[in-house]
Amino acid sequence: MKEERVTFKSGDLTLEGMIAYPDGAGPHRAAAVCHPHPLYGGSMCNNVVDAVLEALHARGFATLRFNFRGVGQSEGDFDNGKGEADDAIAAIRFLTTQKSVRAADAVLAGYSFGATTAVRAAPGVEEVTAIVTVALPLGVIDPSALGTITKPIVLLAGDQDSYCPANHLTALAERLGPSAQLKIIPGADHFFGGREPEITAALGEALATL
């Protein structure tokens, strides 16, 4: 789908993003996508973010990818996850107030640091009813954040991902129970180079049930 550049507010900061709407009058279901770690070159222009968006667009979602504070043309500075969670909340609330978008039943998605941010932000956002994570970095995430997950969640990773070990992700899925969908891509590492179509396919299957 064609994306258009937008800006929106997160507190006193102005953030940049790219928004896309499906054909038709809607209202369309909303999904915001959070990018990987800003201090390691992460931005909304990322191969895995693109793959996630492709799956969402195929399922008829209106989408917003955006740059966290301090990235690209977004104002502010890196805030070690706290401010970025506020940015994710601001993004989903901006998207769900658009004319052809549903005000509820939204999805918050993220890759790597963005997955951590989605997990941190989503529990307190009424508009969000499901979470999609790709390569959730279990080795660095605050364990207390995982205890607050009660909404349906997709847990996708490669089985060669040292930041998101497949056995740890499997254990998390088992602990979360029926609300969790586990998707493991054989042979893929944390960066999914050349494996993007498999991300799109796996998420397409998962989104059909959310």
Protein backbone atom coordinates (compact mmCIF):
# COMPACT_ATOMS: atom_id res chain seq x y z
CA MET A 1 0.00 0.00 0.00
CA LYS A 2 1.06 3.56 -0.55
CA GLU A 3 2.44 5.24 2.56
CA GLU A 4 2.26 8.96 3.32
CA ARG A 5 4.50 10.93 5.66
CA VAL A 6 2.82 12.23 8.83
CA THR A 7 3.84 13.86 12.07
CA PHE A 8 2.20 13.44 15.48
CA LYS A 9 2.81 14.45 19.06
CA SER A 10 4.28 12.36 21.87
CA GLY A 11 4.03 14.67 24.85
CA ASP A 12 5.89 17.82 23.86
CA LEU A 13 7.80 16.08 21.06
CA THR A 14 6.90 15.86 17.39
CA LEU A 15 7.57 12.45 15.85
CA GLU A 16 7.63 11.43 12.20
CA GLY A 17 5.97 8.40 10.68
CA MET A 18 4.55 6.80 7.56
CA ILE A 19 0.84 5.96 7.45
CA ALA A 20 -1.01 3.71 5.02
CA TYR A 21 -4.70 2.97 4.51
CA PRO A 22 -6.32 0.02 2.73
CA ASP A 23 -8.75 0.58 -0.10
CA GLY A 24 -12.34 1.18 0.86
CA ALA A 25 -14.13 3.43 3.30
CA GLY A 26 -13.37 1.40 6.40
CA PRO A 27 -13.28 1.66 9.30
CA HIS A 28 -10.04 -0.32 9.08
CA ARG A 29 -8.31 -2.08 11.93
CA ALA A 30 -5.14 -0.30 13.09
CA ALA A 31 -1.59 -1.47 13.69
CA ALA A 32 1.47 0.53 14.71
CA VAL A 33 4.94 -0.96 14.21
CA CYS A 34 7.92 -0.19 16.46
CA HIS A 35 11.46 -0.33 15.07
CA PRO A 36 14.70 -1.84 16.47
CA HIS A 37 17.20 -0.18 18.81
CA PRO A 38 17.91 3.50 18.03
CA LEU A 39 21.48 3.34 19.37
CA TYR A 40 22.37 0.53 16.94
CA GLY A 41 21.03 2.15 13.80
CA GLY A 42 17.42 1.12 14.19
CA SER A 43 14.75 3.15 12.44
CA MET A 44 11.38 2.71 10.78
CA CYS A 45 13.26 1.96 7.52
CA ASN A 46 14.18 -1.64 8.30
CA ASN A 47 13.84 -4.96 6.49
CA VAL A 48 11.94 -6.68 9.30
CA VAL A 49 9.62 -3.71 9.79
CA ASP A 50 8.89 -3.90 6.05
CA ALA A 51 8.07 -7.62 6.35
CA VAL A 52 5.72 -7.00 9.28
CA LEU A 53 3.98 -4.21 7.36
CA GLU A 54 3.52 -6.46 4.35
CA ALA A 55 1.69 -9.01 6.48
CA LEU A 56 -0.50 -6.32 8.04
CA HIS A 57 -1.36 -4.76 4.68
CA ALA A 58 -2.31 -8.15 3.26
CA ARG A 59 -4.79 -8.50 6.14
CA GLY A 60 -6.35 -5.08 5.52
CA PHE A 61 -4.86 -3.12 8.40
CA ALA A 62 -4.26 0.61 8.39
CA THR A 63 -0.66 0.97 9.53
CA LEU A 64 1.71 3.48 11.08
CA ARG A 65 5.46 2.97 11.19
CA PHE A 66 7.27 5.72 13.03
CA ASN A 67 10.64 6.84 14.32
CA PHE A 68 11.14 6.89 18.06
CA ARG A 69 12.30 10.12 19.70
CA GLY A 70 15.75 11.16 18.53
CA VAL A 71 15.64 9.04 15.35
CA GLY A 72 15.50 10.60 11.88
CA GLN A 73 13.35 13.73 12.00
CA SER A 74 11.66 12.82 15.30
CA GLU A 75 12.42 15.26 18.08
CA GLY A 76 14.00 14.41 21.41
CA ASP A 77 16.65 11.97 22.62
CA PHE A 78 16.87 8.27 23.39
CA ASP A 79 15.17 7.52 26.72
CA ASN A 80 16.22 3.92 27.44
CA GLY A 81 12.78 2.52 26.65
CA LYS A 82 10.57 4.59 28.94
CA GLY A 83 10.00 7.50 26.59
CA GLU A 84 9.88 5.14 23.63
CA ALA A 85 6.95 3.30 25.25
CA ASP A 86 5.20 6.67 25.48
CA ASP A 87 5.96 7.16 21.77
CA ALA A 88 4.35 3.80 20.94
CA ILE A 89 1.24 4.72 22.90
CA ALA A 90 1.08 8.10 21.15
CA ALA A 91 1.45 6.37 17.77
CA ILE A 92 -1.41 3.93 18.26
CA ARG A 93 -3.66 6.66 19.66
CA PHE A 94 -2.86 8.93 16.71
CA LEU A 95 -3.62 6.15 14.25
CA THR A 96 -6.89 5.10 15.89
CA THR A 97 -8.22 8.67 15.69
CA GLN A 98 -7.89 8.86 11.92
CA LYS A 99 -11.09 9.13 9.92
CA SER A 100 -11.21 5.68 8.29
CA VAL A 101 -9.64 3.74 11.20
CA ARG A 102 -11.32 1.81 14.00
CA ALA A 103 -11.08 3.43 17.41
CA ALA A 104 -10.48 0.07 19.10
CA ASP A 105 -9.23 -3.48 18.46
CA ALA A 106 -5.76 -2.31 17.44
CA VAL A 107 -2.48 -4.22 17.21
CA LEU A 108 0.87 -2.98 18.52
CA ALA A 109 3.80 -4.68 16.79
CA GLY A 110 7.56 -4.45 17.14
CA TYR A 111 10.89 -5.94 16.21
CA SER A 112 13.73 -6.49 18.71
CA PHE A 113 13.90 -3.33 20.88
CA GLY A 114 10.58 -2.42 19.26
CA ALA A 115 9.12 -5.72 20.45
CA THR A 116 10.25 -4.91 23.99
CA THR A 117 8.64 -1.50 23.65
CA ALA A 118 5.38 -3.01 22.41
CA VAL A 119 5.28 -5.42 25.35
CA ARG A 120 5.97 -2.57 27.73
CA ALA A 121 3.38 -0.20 26.23
CA ALA A 122 0.47 -2.42 25.22
CA PRO A 123 -0.91 -3.62 28.58
CA GLY A 124 -2.00 -0.12 29.59
CA VAL A 125 -3.53 0.90 26.25
CA GLU A 126 -7.23 0.13 25.98
CA GLU A 127 -7.19 0.55 22.20
CA VAL A 128 -4.69 -2.31 21.81
CA THR A 129 -6.18 -5.80 21.94
CA ALA A 130 -3.23 -7.80 20.56
CA ILE A 131 0.58 -7.65 20.43
CA VAL A 132 2.93 -8.89 17.70
CA THR A 133 6.58 -9.41 18.61
CA VAL A 134 9.44 -10.34 16.32
CA ALA A 135 12.74 -11.38 17.94
CA LEU A 136 11.77 -10.24 21.43
CA PRO A 137 15.20 -9.90 23.15
CA LEU A 138 14.47 -12.00 26.22
CA GLY A 139 18.02 -11.69 27.51
CA VAL A 140 17.67 -7.97 28.16
CA ILE A 141 13.96 -7.44 28.74
CA ASP A 142 12.70 -6.58 32.21
CA PRO A 143 11.05 -9.81 33.41
CA SER A 144 8.37 -7.82 35.24
CA ALA A 145 7.04 -6.58 31.89
CA LEU A 146 6.33 -10.15 30.80
CA GLY A 147 4.17 -10.74 33.82
CA THR A 148 1.69 -8.07 32.73
CA ILE A 149 0.87 -9.69 29.37
CA THR A 150 -2.76 -10.81 29.28
CA LYS A 151 -3.66 -9.81 25.72
CA PRO A 152 -3.23 -12.17 22.77
CA ILE A 153 0.40 -12.08 21.64
CA VAL A 154 2.38 -13.44 18.71
CA LEU A 155 5.94 -14.54 19.55
CA LEU A 156 8.03 -14.95 16.38
CA ALA A 157 11.77 -15.60 16.19
CA GLY A 158 14.41 -17.57 14.33
CA ASP A 159 15.88 -20.66 15.91
CA GLN A 160 19.40 -19.24 15.49
CA ASP A 161 18.67 -16.00 17.38
CA SER A 162 21.09 -15.57 20.28
CA TYR A 163 19.16 -12.53 21.58
CA CYS A 164 15.88 -14.41 21.59
CA PRO A 165 16.71 -18.09 22.21
CA ALA A 166 13.99 -20.32 20.79
CA ASN A 167 13.83 -22.49 23.91
CA HIS A 168 13.31 -19.44 26.11
CA LEU A 169 10.61 -18.11 23.78
CA THR A 170 8.91 -21.50 23.79
CA ALA A 171 8.93 -21.51 27.59
CA LEU A 172 7.38 -18.03 27.61
CA ALA A 173 4.67 -19.14 25.21
CA GLU A 174 3.88 -22.12 27.41
CA ARG A 175 3.70 -19.89 30.48
CA LEU A 176 1.37 -17.42 28.77
CA GLY A 177 -0.90 -20.23 27.65
CA PRO A 178 -3.62 -20.01 24.98
CA SER A 179 -3.19 -16.26 24.53
CA ALA A 180 0.24 -16.80 22.92
CA GLN A 181 1.01 -17.93 19.37
CA LEU A 182 4.55 -19.19 18.85
CA LYS A 183 6.18 -18.95 15.40
CA ILE A 184 9.76 -20.24 14.95
CA ILE A 185 11.57 -19.79 11.62
CA PRO A 186 14.23 -22.52 11.17
CA GLY A 187 17.70 -21.26 10.33
CA ALA A 188 16.93 -17.57 10.87
CA ASP A 189 19.00 -15.37 13.18
CA HIS A 190 18.12 -12.08 14.87
CA PHE A 191 18.38 -10.05 11.66
CA PHE A 192 16.43 -12.30 9.24
CA GLY A 193 18.55 -11.42 6.20
CA GLY A 194 16.88 -13.02 3.19
CA ARG A 195 14.15 -14.54 5.39
CA GLU A 196 11.73 -11.63 5.24
CA PRO A 197 9.07 -13.51 3.18
CA GLU A 198 8.93 -16.14 5.91
CA ILE A 199 8.20 -13.45 8.49
CA THR A 200 5.38 -12.14 6.33
CA ALA A 201 3.92 -15.62 5.80
CA ALA A 202 4.10 -16.60 9.47
CA LEU A 203 2.55 -13.35 10.65
CA GLY A 204 -0.15 -13.60 8.01
CA GLU A 205 -1.25 -16.89 9.54
CA ALA A 206 -1.15 -15.48 13.05
CA LEU A 207 -3.01 -12.28 12.22
CA ALA A 208 -5.88 -14.27 10.75
CA THR A 209 -6.73 -15.46 14.26
CA LEU A 210 -6.17 -12.27 16.27
